């Protein structure tokens, strides 16, 4: 049985604007498949461009956060927002970046019990407060981050990633974006020959 990847229309790749088609083909070349979120968001080209511009600005910039840290924020907050797509897709990336096959499941369910460092727990404490009660974020939250070597710019990154994926989580839930089957196994076992 073939399950739909979205409750909204999914455009044909050949009918998309050139820049969006090119971005999707680049992702396909790198990953070996097209993540369903790309096809779903391509339904609205201007919003696709805006979302991925902010996504890339946050996730690809040099900062005090590693690629694994950024994915850990996404997985923990997406778990809190009950977003299956983002937990599964970004859980795969988290497992790969951290080279830990158990970490994504632990972080998605309860990061406080996960096999992560005190620094990562402080980072996720801040991210979860931004996710669940951003109005209560205060100076003591920034001070707690500083105790673990995070700068105020890192705090901005943590908040920005949490905020962007708050949007992503809600849209993925509303659109019923189905995680690609490929994501479920990625990073769970060592790669052949690697």
C-alpha atoms as a PDB file:
ATOM      1  CA  UNK A   1       0.000   0.000   0.000  1.00  0.00           C
ATOM      2  CA  UNK A   2       1.406   3.389  -1.009  1.00  0.00           C
ATOM      3  CA  UNK A   3       0.859   6.083   1.589  1.00  0.00           C
ATOM      4  CA  UNK A   4       0.547   9.724   0.533  1.00  0.00           C
ATOM      5  CA  UNK A   5       3.454  11.917   1.609  1.00  0.00           C
ATOM      6  CA  UNK A   6       1.223  14.940   2.293  1.00  0.00           C
ATOM      7  CA  UNK A   7      -2.434  15.839   2.567  1.00  0.00           C
ATOM      8  CA  UNK A   8      -1.729  18.724   0.166  1.00  0.00           C
ATOM      9  CA  UNK A   9      -0.913  18.424  -3.551  1.00  0.00           C
ATOM     10  CA  UNK A  10       2.670  17.368  -4.259  1.00  0.00           C
ATOM     11  CA  UNK A  11       3.954  19.027  -7.430  1.00  0.00           C
ATOM     12  CA  UNK A  12       5.766  17.121 -10.135  1.00  0.00           C
ATOM     13  CA  UNK A  13       9.495  17.788 -10.078  1.00  0.00           C
ATOM     14  CA  UNK A  14       9.558  18.708 -13.771  1.00  0.00           C
ATOM     15  CA  UNK A  15       6.918  21.419 -13.277  1.00  0.00           C
ATOM     16  CA  UNK A  16       8.715  23.255 -10.469  1.00  0.00           C
ATOM     17  CA  UNK A  17      10.597  26.551 -10.917  1.00  0.00           C
ATOM     18  CA  UNK A  18      14.207  25.925 -11.929  1.00  0.00           C
ATOM     19  CA  UNK A  19      15.772  27.079  -8.634  1.00  0.00           C
ATOM     20  CA  UNK A  20      13.542  24.812  -6.538  1.00  0.00           C
ATOM     21  CA  UNK A  21      14.000  21.838  -8.850  1.00  0.00           C
ATOM     22  CA  UNK A  22      17.783  22.359  -8.699  1.00  0.00           C
ATOM     23  CA  UNK A  23      17.784  22.481  -4.873  1.00  0.00           C
ATOM     24  CA  UNK A  24      15.729  19.281  -4.719  1.00  0.00           C
ATOM     25  CA  UNK A  25      18.015  17.521  -7.192  1.00  0.00           C
ATOM     26  CA  UNK A  26      21.078  18.566  -5.154  1.00  0.00           C
ATOM     27  CA  UNK A  27      19.511  17.085  -2.021  1.00  0.00           C
ATOM     28  CA  UNK A  28      18.615  13.910  -3.918  1.00  0.00           C
ATOM     29  CA  UNK A  29      22.201  13.597  -5.187  1.00  0.00           C
ATOM     30  CA  UNK A  30      23.602  13.968  -1.672  1.00  0.00           C
ATOM     31  CA  UNK A  31      21.061  11.824   0.212  1.00  0.00           C
ATOM     32  CA  UNK A  32      20.184   9.278  -2.464  1.00  0.00           C
ATOM     33  CA  UNK A  33      16.477  10.165  -2.159  1.00  0.00           C
ATOM     34  CA  UNK A  34      14.273  13.254  -1.912  1.00  0.00           C
ATOM     35  CA  UNK A  35      13.107  13.974   1.632  1.00  0.00           C
ATOM     36  CA  UNK A  36       9.337  14.344   1.574  1.00  0.00           C
ATOM     37  CA  UNK A  37       9.435  17.770   3.229  1.00  0.00           C
ATOM     38  CA  UNK A  38      11.055  19.236   0.096  1.00  0.00           C
ATOM     39  CA  UNK A  39       8.303  17.936  -2.159  1.00  0.00           C
ATOM     40  CA  UNK A  40       5.578  18.999   0.264  1.00  0.00           C
ATOM     41  CA  UNK A  41       6.854  22.552   0.741  1.00  0.00           C
ATOM     42  CA  UNK A  42       7.367  22.939  -3.026  1.00  0.00           C
ATOM     43  CA  UNK A  43       3.553  23.198  -3.185  1.00  0.00           C
ATOM     44  CA  UNK A  44       4.125  26.895  -2.395  1.00  0.00           C
ATOM     45  CA  UNK A  45       7.356  28.006  -4.095  1.00  0.00           C
ATOM     46  CA  UNK A  46       7.735  31.389  -2.350  1.00  0.00           C
ATOM     47  CA  UNK A  47       7.312  29.805   1.067  1.00  0.00           C
ATOM     48  CA  UNK A  48       9.700  26.981   0.089  1.00  0.00           C
ATOM     49  CA  UNK A  49      12.359  29.585  -0.756  1.00  0.00           C
ATOM     50  CA  UNK A  50      11.781  31.564   2.450  1.00  0.00           C
ATOM     51  CA  UNK A  51      11.805  28.489   4.685  1.00  0.00           C
ATOM     52  CA  UNK A  52      14.988  27.038   3.227  1.00  0.00           C
ATOM     53  CA  UNK A  53      16.723  30.434   3.171  1.00  0.00           C
ATOM     54  CA  UNK A  54      16.208  30.759   6.941  1.00  0.00           C
ATOM     55  CA  UNK A  55      16.928  27.046   7.474  1.00  0.00           C
ATOM     56  CA  UNK A  56      20.256  27.327   5.653  1.00  0.00           C
ATOM     57  CA  UNK A  57      21.160  30.630   7.337  1.00  0.00           C
ATOM     58  CA  UNK A  58      20.763  29.000  10.766  1.00  0.00           C
ATOM     59  CA  UNK A  59      21.939  25.470  10.200  1.00  0.00           C
ATOM     60  CA  UNK A  60      24.832  26.040   7.806  1.00  0.00           C
ATOM     61  CA  UNK A  61      26.470  29.019   9.533  1.00  0.00           C
ATOM     62  CA  UNK A  62      29.595  28.647  11.616  1.00  0.00           C
ATOM     63  CA  UNK A  63      28.775  28.918  15.307  1.00  0.00           C
ATOM     64  CA  UNK A  64      29.528  27.528  18.735  1.00  0.00           C
ATOM     65  CA  UNK A  65      27.088  24.725  17.965  1.00  0.00           C
ATOM     66  CA  UNK A  66      28.174  21.595  16.139  1.00  0.00           C
ATOM     67  CA  UNK A  67      26.043  19.961  13.449  1.00  0.00           C
ATOM     68  CA  UNK A  68      25.147  17.343  16.057  1.00  0.00           C
ATOM     69  CA  UNK A  69      24.127  20.028  18.578  1.00  0.00           C
ATOM     70  CA  UNK A  70      21.836  21.639  16.018  1.00  0.00           C
ATOM     71  CA  UNK A  71      20.181  18.338  15.146  1.00  0.00           C
ATOM     72  CA  UNK A  72      19.842  17.510  18.849  1.00  0.00           C
ATOM     73  CA  UNK A  73      17.889  20.750  19.375  1.00  0.00           C
ATOM     74  CA  UNK A  74      15.625  19.874  16.456  1.00  0.00           C
ATOM     75  CA  UNK A  75      14.971  16.331  17.694  1.00  0.00           C
ATOM     76  CA  UNK A  76      14.275  17.319  21.312  1.00  0.00           C
ATOM     77  CA  UNK A  77      11.927  20.182  20.465  1.00  0.00           C
ATOM     78  CA  UNK A  78      10.238  18.226  17.665  1.00  0.00           C
ATOM     79  CA  UNK A  79       9.581  15.446  20.166  1.00  0.00           C
ATOM     80  CA  UNK A  80       7.964  17.984  22.502  1.00  0.00           C
ATOM     81  CA  UNK A  81       5.841  19.185  19.556  1.00  0.00           C
ATOM     82  CA  UNK A  82       4.885  15.610  18.599  1.00  0.00           C
ATOM     83  CA  UNK A  83       6.239  15.988  15.072  1.00  0.00           C
ATOM     84  CA  UNK A  84       6.833  12.522  13.661  1.00  0.00           C
ATOM     85  CA  UNK A  85       8.432  13.770  10.433  1.00  0.00           C
ATOM     86  CA  UNK A  86      11.051  15.954  12.123  1.00  0.00           C
ATOM     87  CA  UNK A  87      11.877  13.451  14.871  1.00  0.00           C
ATOM     88  CA  UNK A  88      12.440  10.695  12.308  1.00  0.00           C
ATOM     89  CA  UNK A  89      14.260  12.765   9.663  1.00  0.00           C
ATOM     90  CA  UNK A  90      16.427  14.796  12.016  1.00  0.00           C
ATOM     91  CA  UNK A  91      16.896  11.819  14.311  1.00  0.00           C
ATOM     92  CA  UNK A  92      18.649  10.126  11.400  1.00  0.00           C
ATOM     93  CA  UNK A  93      20.973  13.102  10.976  1.00  0.00           C
ATOM     94  CA  UNK A  94      21.612  13.273  14.731  1.00  0.00           C
ATOM     95  CA  UNK A  95      22.618   9.594  14.825  1.00  0.00           C
ATOM     96  CA  UNK A  96      24.965  10.132  11.883  1.00  0.00           C
ATOM     97  CA  UNK A  97      26.603  13.347  13.156  1.00  0.00           C
ATOM     98  CA  UNK A  98      27.059  12.070  16.709  1.00  0.00           C
ATOM     99  CA  UNK A  99      27.908   8.503  15.606  1.00  0.00           C
ATOM    100  CA  UNK A 100      25.586   7.193  18.324  1.00  0.00           C
ATOM    101  CA  UNK A 101      22.779   4.872  17.181  1.00  0.00           C
ATOM    102  CA  UNK A 102      20.698   5.301  20.378  1.00  0.00           C
ATOM    103  CA  UNK A 103      20.891   9.043  20.881  1.00  0.00           C
ATOM    104  CA  UNK A 104      17.978  10.244  18.739  1.00  0.00           C
ATOM    105  CA  UNK A 105      15.428   7.991  20.420  1.00  0.00           C
ATOM    106  CA  UNK A 106      16.674   9.049  23.853  1.00  0.00           C
ATOM    107  CA  UNK A 107      16.651  12.775  23.055  1.00  0.00           C
ATOM    108  CA  UNK A 108      13.234  12.667  21.370  1.00  0.00           C
ATOM    109  CA  UNK A 109      11.584  11.024  24.356  1.00  0.00           C
ATOM    110  CA  UNK A 110      13.443  12.506  27.354  1.00  0.00           C
ATOM    111  CA  UNK A 111      16.749  14.297  26.829  1.00  0.00           C
ATOM    112  CA  UNK A 112      17.265  14.468  30.626  1.00  0.00           C
ATOM    113  CA  UNK A 113      17.802  10.684  30.607  1.00  0.00           C
ATOM    114  CA  UNK A 114      19.821  10.623  27.377  1.00  0.00           C
ATOM    115  CA  UNK A 115      23.495   9.734  27.110  1.00  0.00           C
ATOM    116  CA  UNK A 116      24.582  13.311  26.437  1.00  0.00           C
ATOM    117  CA  UNK A 117      27.026  15.727  28.080  1.00  0.00           C
ATOM    118  CA  UNK A 118      26.114  18.291  30.764  1.00  0.00           C
ATOM    119  CA  UNK A 119      26.807  20.982  28.125  1.00  0.00           C
ATOM    120  CA  UNK A 120      24.289  19.395  25.759  1.00  0.00           C
ATOM    121  CA  UNK A 121      21.736  19.097  28.584  1.00  0.00           C
ATOM    122  CA  UNK A 122      22.123  22.817  29.334  1.00  0.00           C
ATOM    123  CA  UNK A 123      21.657  23.578  25.633  1.00  0.00           C
ATOM    124  CA  UNK A 124      18.488  21.462  25.515  1.00  0.00           C
ATOM    125  CA  UNK A 125      17.188  22.970  28.779  1.00  0.00           C
ATOM    126  CA  UNK A 126      17.329  26.350  27.039  1.00  0.00           C
ATOM    127  CA  UNK A 127      15.841  25.033  23.785  1.00  0.00           C
ATOM    128  CA  UNK A 128      12.961  23.357  25.587  1.00  0.00           C
ATOM    129  CA  UNK A 129      12.189  26.520  27.539  1.00  0.00           C
ATOM    130  CA  UNK A 130      12.119  28.449  24.256  1.00  0.00           C
ATOM    131  CA  UNK A 131       9.903  25.715  22.787  1.00  0.00           C
ATOM    132  CA  UNK A 132       7.440  25.406  25.651  1.00  0.00           C
ATOM    133  CA  UNK A 133       7.554  28.706  27.568  1.00  0.00           C
ATOM    134  CA  UNK A 134       9.520  31.359  25.676  1.00  0.00           C
ATOM    135  CA  UNK A 135       7.859  34.199  27.611  1.00  0.00           C
ATOM    136  CA  UNK A 136       9.617  32.956  30.760  1.00  0.00           C
ATOM    137  CA  UNK A 137      13.156  33.031  29.287  1.00  0.00           C
ATOM    138  CA  UNK A 138      15.275  35.372  31.383  1.00  0.00           C
ATOM    139  CA  UNK A 139      18.803  36.316  32.331  1.00  0.00           C
ATOM    140  CA  UNK A 140      19.263  33.199  34.491  1.00  0.00           C
ATOM    141  CA  UNK A 141      18.710  31.051  31.393  1.00  0.00           C
ATOM    142  CA  UNK A 142      21.465  32.893  29.524  1.00  0.00           C
ATOM    143  CA  UNK A 143      23.722  32.623  32.590  1.00  0.00           C
ATOM    144  CA  UNK A 144      23.180  28.860  32.703  1.00  0.00           C
ATOM    145  CA  UNK A 145      24.277  28.631  29.067  1.00  0.00           C
ATOM    146  CA  UNK A 146      27.361  30.776  29.716  1.00  0.00           C
ATOM    147  CA  UNK A 147      28.403  28.382  32.519  1.00  0.00           C
ATOM    148  CA  UNK A 148      28.762  25.725  29.800  1.00  0.00           C
ATOM    149  CA  UNK A 149      30.712  27.932  27.392  1.00  0.00           C
ATOM    150  CA  UNK A 150      27.840  29.131  25.202  1.00  0.00           C
ATOM    151  CA  UNK A 151      27.840  32.745  24.013  1.00  0.00           C
ATOM    152  CA  UNK A 152      24.799  34.957  23.600  1.00  0.00           C
ATOM    153  CA  UNK A 153      25.148  34.374  19.836  1.00  0.00           C
ATOM    154  CA  UNK A 154      24.892  30.630  20.521  1.00  0.00           C
ATOM    155  CA  UNK A 155      21.732  31.328  22.555  1.00  0.00           C
ATOM    156  CA  UNK A 156      20.331  33.163  19.506  1.00  0.00           C
ATOM    157  CA  UNK A 157      21.129  30.115  17.367  1.00  0.00           C
ATOM    158  CA  UNK A 158      19.447  27.768  19.841  1.00  0.00           C
ATOM    159  CA  UNK A 159      16.356  29.985  19.934  1.00  0.00           C
ATOM    160  CA  UNK A 160      16.314  30.477  16.158  1.00  0.00           C
ATOM    161  CA  UNK A 161      16.554  26.752  15.452  1.00  0.00           C
ATOM    162  CA  UNK A 162      13.861  26.042  18.031  1.00  0.00           C
ATOM    163  CA  UNK A 163      11.613  28.727  16.550  1.00  0.00           C
ATOM    164  CA  UNK A 164      12.093  27.660  12.939  1.00  0.00           C
ATOM    165  CA  UNK A 165      11.359  24.068  13.789  1.00  0.00           C
ATOM    166  CA  UNK A 166       8.325  25.119  15.817  1.00  0.00           C
ATOM    167  CA  UNK A 167       6.989  26.361  12.467  1.00  0.00           C
ATOM    168  CA  UNK A 168       8.241  23.260  10.659  1.00  0.00           C
ATOM    169  CA  UNK A 169       6.729  20.912  13.259  1.00  0.00           C
ATOM    170  CA  UNK A 170       3.333  22.529  13.025  1.00  0.00           C
ATOM    171  CA  UNK A 171       3.283  22.577   9.228  1.00  0.00           C
ATOM    172  CA  UNK A 172       4.508  18.973   9.036  1.00  0.00           C
ATOM    173  CA  UNK A 173       1.758  17.929  11.439  1.00  0.00           C
ATOM    174  CA  UNK A 174      -0.968  19.855   9.602  1.00  0.00           C
ATOM    175  CA  UNK A 175       0.226  18.584   6.210  1.00  0.00           C
ATOM    176  CA  UNK A 176       0.625  15.028   7.561  1.00  0.00           C
ATOM    177  CA  UNK A 177       4.080  14.784   6.011  1.00  0.00           C
ATOM    178  CA  UNK A 178       5.125  11.160   6.031  1.00  0.00           C
ATOM    179  CA  UNK A 179       8.771  10.460   6.910  1.00  0.00           C
ATOM    180  CA  UNK A 180      10.683   8.721   4.139  1.00  0.00           C
ATOM    181  CA  UNK A 181      11.254   5.063   4.970  1.00  0.00           C
ATOM    182  CA  UNK A 182      14.994   5.585   4.388  1.00  0.00           C
ATOM    183  CA  UNK A 183      15.304   7.793   7.481  1.00  0.00           C
ATOM    184  CA  UNK A 184      14.333   5.052   9.921  1.00  0.00           C
ATOM    185  CA  UNK A 185      17.490   2.993   9.430  1.00  0.00           C
ATOM    186  CA  UNK A 186      20.053   5.721   8.810  1.00  0.00           C
ATOM    187  CA  UNK A 187      22.797   5.876  11.425  1.00  0.00           C
ATOM    188  CA  UNK A 188      21.563   2.859  13.376  1.00  0.00           C
ATOM    189  CA  UNK A 189      24.282   0.477  12.203  1.00  0.00           C
ATOM    190  CA  UNK A 190      27.829   1.066  10.966  1.00  0.00           C
ATOM    191  CA  UNK A 191      28.078   1.690   7.225  1.00  0.00           C
ATOM    192  CA  UNK A 192      29.497  -1.131   5.144  1.00  0.00           C
ATOM    193  CA  UNK A 193      33.180  -0.476   4.542  1.00  0.00           C
ATOM    194  CA  UNK A 194      33.110   2.530   6.892  1.00  0.00           C
END
